Amino acid sequence: MTNTVINGASLTEPQGEFDLWEHAAELTSEIRDFADCLNMMAEQLAPLAKLRPDHDP
């Protein structure tokens, strides 16, 4: 909306190569891949967190 007000952009985007549901599916896949990467990082950091002196097992 801001882009429309400030820059005079149209309220709708022209038809592109992909439909909305294709963009949604691709974005969903990318978010899941990113979440998998973050989970792997968390698993690798967990042992280090357990070395904290005040950690209760």
Protein backbone atom coordinates (compact mmCIF):
# COMPACT_ATOMS: atom_id res chain seq x y z
CA MET A 1 0.00 0.00 0.00
CA THR A 2 2.80 2.42 0.86
CA ASN A 3 4.44 1.77 -2.51
CA THR A 4 1.14 2.65 -4.19
CA VAL A 5 0.69 5.88 -2.25
CA ILE A 6 4.28 7.12 -2.42
CA ASN A 7 5.45 5.80 -5.80
CA GLY A 8 2.14 5.57 -7.63
CA ALA A 9 2.48 1.82 -8.15
CA SER A 10 -0.58 -0.10 -9.26
CA LEU A 11 -2.71 -1.92 -6.69
CA THR A 12 -2.33 -5.21 -8.53
CA GLU A 13 0.67 -6.96 -9.97
CA PRO A 14 0.68 -8.04 -13.61
CA GLN A 15 0.34 -11.76 -14.33
CA GLY A 16 3.80 -13.29 -13.98
CA GLU A 17 5.34 -16.66 -14.72
CA PHE A 18 3.89 -18.26 -11.58
CA ASP A 19 0.49 -18.25 -9.96
CA LEU A 20 -0.06 -17.33 -6.33
CA TRP A 21 -0.29 -20.97 -5.18
CA GLU A 22 3.01 -21.78 -6.93
CA HIS A 23 4.69 -18.93 -5.04
CA ALA A 24 3.10 -20.13 -1.79
CA ALA A 25 4.31 -23.70 -2.37
CA GLU A 26 7.85 -22.53 -3.19
CA LEU A 27 7.97 -20.24 -0.16
CA THR A 28 6.66 -23.02 2.07
CA SER A 29 9.41 -25.31 0.83
CA GLU A 30 12.11 -22.70 1.39
CA ILE A 31 10.88 -21.98 4.93
CA ARG A 32 10.87 -25.71 5.76
CA ASP A 33 14.41 -26.08 4.41
CA PHE A 34 15.53 -23.11 6.50
CA ALA A 35 13.83 -24.55 9.59
CA ASP A 36 15.62 -27.88 9.01
CA CYS A 37 18.93 -26.03 8.86
CA LEU A 38 18.17 -24.18 12.10
CA ASN A 39 17.19 -27.45 13.80
CA MET A 40 20.51 -29.01 12.77
CA MET A 41 22.35 -26.01 14.18
CA ALA A 42 20.42 -26.29 17.44
CA GLU A 43 21.27 -30.00 17.72
CA GLN A 44 24.96 -29.22 17.24
CA LEU A 45 24.89 -26.46 19.86
CA ALA A 46 22.97 -28.48 22.48
CA PRO A 47 26.04 -30.34 23.82
CA LEU A 48 27.87 -27.04 24.26
CA ALA A 49 24.94 -25.60 26.21
CA LYS A 50 25.09 -28.60 28.55
CA LEU A 51 28.65 -27.62 29.54
CA ARG A 52 27.32 -24.53 31.28
CA PRO A 53 28.48 -24.66 34.92
CA ASP A 54 25.03 -24.10 36.40
CA HIS A 55 23.31 -26.62 34.10
CA ASP A 56 21.02 -29.20 35.76
CA PRO A 57 20.83 -32.45 33.72
